[in-house]
C-alpha atoms as a PDB file:
ATOM      1  CA  UNK A   1      30.990 -32.851  45.012  1.00  0.00           C
ATOM      2  CA  UNK A   2      28.421 -30.130  45.115  1.00  0.00           C
ATOM      3  CA  UNK A   3      25.679 -30.407  47.635  1.00  0.00           C
ATOM      4  CA  UNK A   4      22.197 -30.801  46.160  1.00  0.00           C
ATOM      5  CA  UNK A   5      19.410 -28.486  47.152  1.00  0.00           C
ATOM      6  CA  UNK A   6      16.502 -30.755  48.021  1.00  0.00           C
ATOM      7  CA  UNK A   7      14.033 -27.884  47.926  1.00  0.00           C
ATOM      8  CA  UNK A   8      14.757 -27.360  44.243  1.00  0.00           C
ATOM      9  CA  UNK A   9      14.296 -31.061  43.504  1.00  0.00           C
ATOM     10  CA  UNK A  10      10.714 -30.925  44.783  1.00  0.00           C
ATOM     11  CA  UNK A  11       9.693 -27.516  43.415  1.00  0.00           C
ATOM     12  CA  UNK A  12       7.072 -27.573  40.651  1.00  0.00           C
ATOM     13  CA  UNK A  13       8.524 -26.979  37.196  1.00  0.00           C
ATOM     14  CA  UNK A  14       7.833 -23.552  35.757  1.00  0.00           C
ATOM     15  CA  UNK A  15       6.140 -23.553  32.387  1.00  0.00           C
ATOM     16  CA  UNK A  16       6.135 -20.843  29.812  1.00  0.00           C
ATOM     17  CA  UNK A  17       2.738 -19.272  29.202  1.00  0.00           C
ATOM     18  CA  UNK A  18       0.781 -21.156  26.587  1.00  0.00           C
ATOM     19  CA  UNK A  19       0.882 -19.666  23.108  1.00  0.00           C
ATOM     20  CA  UNK A  20      -2.458 -18.563  21.712  1.00  0.00           C
ATOM     21  CA  UNK A  21      -4.138 -21.268  19.694  1.00  0.00           C
ATOM     22  CA  UNK A  22      -3.420 -20.976  15.990  1.00  0.00           C
ATOM     23  CA  UNK A  23      -6.153 -21.639  13.470  1.00  0.00           C
ATOM     24  CA  UNK A  24      -5.778 -24.877  11.599  1.00  0.00           C
ATOM     25  CA  UNK A  25      -3.694 -24.562   8.455  1.00  0.00           C
ATOM     26  CA  UNK A  26      -5.738 -24.294   5.306  1.00  0.00           C
ATOM     27  CA  UNK A  27      -4.701 -26.741   2.626  1.00  0.00           C
ATOM     28  CA  UNK A  28      -4.182 -24.908  -0.641  1.00  0.00           C
ATOM     29  CA  UNK A  29      -5.050 -26.904  -3.747  1.00  0.00           C
ATOM     30  CA  UNK A  30      -2.226 -27.518  -6.177  1.00  0.00           C
ATOM     31  CA  UNK A  31      -1.817 -24.903  -8.901  1.00  0.00           C
ATOM     32  CA  UNK A  32      -1.938 -26.009 -12.522  1.00  0.00           C
ATOM     33  CA  UNK A  33       1.786 -26.527 -13.128  1.00  0.00           C
ATOM     34  CA  UNK A  34       1.337 -26.261 -16.885  1.00  0.00           C
ATOM     35  CA  UNK A  35       0.010 -22.705 -16.632  1.00  0.00           C
ATOM     36  CA  UNK A  36       1.897 -21.571 -13.533  1.00  0.00           C
ATOM     37  CA  UNK A  37       5.247 -21.264 -15.342  1.00  0.00           C
ATOM     38  CA  UNK A  38       5.864 -17.621 -16.299  1.00  0.00           C
ATOM     39  CA  UNK A  39       6.207 -17.922 -20.085  1.00  0.00           C
ATOM     40  CA  UNK A  40       3.297 -20.356 -20.410  1.00  0.00           C
ATOM     41  CA  UNK A  41       1.066 -18.099 -18.294  1.00  0.00           C
ATOM     42  CA  UNK A  42       2.056 -15.165 -20.512  1.00  0.00           C
ATOM     43  CA  UNK A  43       1.261 -17.132 -23.700  1.00  0.00           C
ATOM     44  CA  UNK A  44      -2.148 -18.222 -22.384  1.00  0.00           C
ATOM     45  CA  UNK A  45      -2.941 -14.705 -21.151  1.00  0.00           C
ATOM     46  CA  UNK A  46      -1.961 -13.133 -24.475  1.00  0.00           C
ATOM     47  CA  UNK A  47      -4.094 -15.630 -26.378  1.00  0.00           C
ATOM     48  CA  UNK A  48      -7.027 -15.034 -24.023  1.00  0.00           C
ATOM     49  CA  UNK A  49      -7.260 -11.420 -25.176  1.00  0.00           C
ATOM     50  CA  UNK A  50      -6.372 -12.052 -28.848  1.00  0.00           C
ATOM     51  CA  UNK A  51      -8.157 -14.394 -31.233  1.00  0.00           C
ATOM     52  CA  UNK A  52      -4.814 -15.653 -32.509  1.00  0.00           C
ATOM     53  CA  UNK A  53      -1.148 -14.694 -32.452  1.00  0.00           C
ATOM     54  CA  UNK A  54       1.709 -15.748 -34.670  1.00  0.00           C
ATOM     55  CA  UNK A  55       4.907 -17.206 -33.293  1.00  0.00           C
ATOM     56  CA  UNK A  56       6.687 -13.969 -34.242  1.00  0.00           C
ATOM     57  CA  UNK A  57       4.087 -11.825 -32.461  1.00  0.00           C
ATOM     58  CA  UNK A  58       4.263 -13.946 -29.311  1.00  0.00           C
ATOM     59  CA  UNK A  59       8.051 -13.914 -29.353  1.00  0.00           C
ATOM     60  CA  UNK A  60       8.140 -10.108 -29.579  1.00  0.00           C
ATOM     61  CA  UNK A  61       5.347  -9.637 -27.046  1.00  0.00           C
ATOM     62  CA  UNK A  62       7.004 -11.898 -24.464  1.00  0.00           C
ATOM     63  CA  UNK A  63      10.561 -10.817 -25.296  1.00  0.00           C
ATOM     64  CA  UNK A  64      11.822 -14.392 -25.379  1.00  0.00           C
ATOM     65  CA  UNK A  65      13.907 -16.589 -27.665  1.00  0.00           C
ATOM     66  CA  UNK A  66      12.692 -18.913 -30.410  1.00  0.00           C
ATOM     67  CA  UNK A  67      13.778 -21.993 -28.457  1.00  0.00           C
ATOM     68  CA  UNK A  68      12.193 -20.888 -25.198  1.00  0.00           C
ATOM     69  CA  UNK A  69       8.870 -20.046 -26.835  1.00  0.00           C
ATOM     70  CA  UNK A  70       8.880 -23.295 -28.836  1.00  0.00           C
ATOM     71  CA  UNK A  71       9.368 -25.452 -25.740  1.00  0.00           C
ATOM     72  CA  UNK A  72       6.636 -23.699 -23.765  1.00  0.00           C
ATOM     73  CA  UNK A  73       4.190 -23.582 -26.671  1.00  0.00           C
ATOM     74  CA  UNK A  74       4.646 -27.324 -27.171  1.00  0.00           C
ATOM     75  CA  UNK A  75       3.843 -27.975 -23.488  1.00  0.00           C
ATOM     76  CA  UNK A  76       0.647 -25.968 -23.863  1.00  0.00           C
ATOM     77  CA  UNK A  77      -0.229 -27.887 -27.025  1.00  0.00           C
ATOM     78  CA  UNK A  78       0.385 -31.231 -25.306  1.00  0.00           C
ATOM     79  CA  UNK A  79      -1.942 -30.164 -22.490  1.00  0.00           C
ATOM     80  CA  UNK A  80      -4.608 -29.247 -25.061  1.00  0.00           C
ATOM     81  CA  UNK A  81      -4.606 -25.593 -23.979  1.00  0.00           C
ATOM     82  CA  UNK A  82      -3.532 -24.137 -27.339  1.00  0.00           C
ATOM     83  CA  UNK A  83      -3.657 -25.229 -30.954  1.00  0.00           C
ATOM     84  CA  UNK A  84      -0.889 -24.550 -33.401  1.00  0.00           C
ATOM     85  CA  UNK A  85      -1.599 -24.064 -37.102  1.00  0.00           C
ATOM     86  CA  UNK A  86       1.390 -24.153 -39.425  1.00  0.00           C
ATOM     87  CA  UNK A  87       1.244 -22.799 -42.924  1.00  0.00           C
ATOM     88  CA  UNK A  88       2.821 -20.314 -45.262  1.00  0.00           C
ATOM     89  CA  UNK A  89       2.322 -16.629 -45.977  1.00  0.00           C
ATOM     90  CA  UNK A  90       3.627 -16.637 -49.524  1.00  0.00           C
ATOM     91  CA  UNK A  91       6.883 -18.550 -49.194  1.00  0.00           C
ATOM     92  CA  UNK A  92       7.445 -17.656 -45.550  1.00  0.00           C
ATOM     93  CA  UNK A  93       6.509 -20.244 -42.907  1.00  0.00           C
ATOM     94  CA  UNK A  94       3.846 -18.973 -40.516  1.00  0.00           C
ATOM     95  CA  UNK A  95       2.823 -20.508 -37.204  1.00  0.00           C
ATOM     96  CA  UNK A  96      -0.392 -19.298 -35.568  1.00  0.00           C
ATOM     97  CA  UNK A  97      -1.527 -20.112 -32.019  1.00  0.00           C
ATOM     98  CA  UNK A  98      -5.075 -20.044 -30.666  1.00  0.00           C
ATOM     99  CA  UNK A  99      -6.439 -20.700 -27.197  1.00  0.00           C
ATOM    100  CA  UNK A 100      -8.728 -23.745 -26.916  1.00  0.00           C
ATOM    101  CA  UNK A 101     -11.871 -24.094 -24.783  1.00  0.00           C
ATOM    102  CA  UNK A 102     -10.015 -26.251 -22.231  1.00  0.00           C
ATOM    103  CA  UNK A 103      -7.202 -23.683 -22.223  1.00  0.00           C
ATOM    104  CA  UNK A 104      -9.623 -20.847 -21.469  1.00  0.00           C
ATOM    105  CA  UNK A 105     -11.261 -22.890 -18.681  1.00  0.00           C
ATOM    106  CA  UNK A 106      -7.843 -23.764 -17.219  1.00  0.00           C
ATOM    107  CA  UNK A 107      -6.884 -20.077 -17.214  1.00  0.00           C
ATOM    108  CA  UNK A 108     -10.177 -19.111 -15.530  1.00  0.00           C
ATOM    109  CA  UNK A 109      -9.649 -21.777 -12.865  1.00  0.00           C
ATOM    110  CA  UNK A 110      -6.056 -20.622 -12.343  1.00  0.00           C
ATOM    111  CA  UNK A 111      -7.117 -16.973 -12.001  1.00  0.00           C
ATOM    112  CA  UNK A 112      -9.898 -17.870  -9.555  1.00  0.00           C
ATOM    113  CA  UNK A 113      -7.395 -19.848  -7.494  1.00  0.00           C
ATOM    114  CA  UNK A 114      -4.898 -16.959  -7.467  1.00  0.00           C
ATOM    115  CA  UNK A 115      -7.640 -14.472  -6.505  1.00  0.00           C
ATOM    116  CA  UNK A 116      -8.591 -16.706  -3.554  1.00  0.00           C
ATOM    117  CA  UNK A 117      -4.954 -16.826  -2.430  1.00  0.00           C
ATOM    118  CA  UNK A 118      -4.697 -13.036  -2.692  1.00  0.00           C
ATOM    119  CA  UNK A 119      -7.908 -12.520  -0.673  1.00  0.00           C
ATOM    120  CA  UNK A 120      -6.793 -14.998   2.017  1.00  0.00           C
ATOM    121  CA  UNK A 121      -3.418 -13.255   2.248  1.00  0.00           C
ATOM    122  CA  UNK A 122      -5.008  -9.817   2.612  1.00  0.00           C
ATOM    123  CA  UNK A 123      -7.306 -11.060   5.389  1.00  0.00           C
ATOM    124  CA  UNK A 124      -4.425 -12.743   7.214  1.00  0.00           C
END
């Protein structure tokens, strides 16, 4: 058996220097999950700068598929952020989307939130 060194048993334990105090974590409010998805954000943004866009115009602008745009547009409709008007141009079906008041307010809130995150990140 190894002999114990009694001096080591009674020596004070060495501690690592204390880390500098970190500021308390800032709780970031939840982003609007309806808008935060890439295609839905693009649809809302496009409609914010255009009075109205057809399904065909949105599809070309966003370079997406019919199915993908349909699913995302429906989510925005269900949230009350866009309205969809279906009709005909001659014999050709035509779907037109417009941004609603709640949709514009949701986009403004989202943009304000993102700007705050960007500013906090730049200060950090």
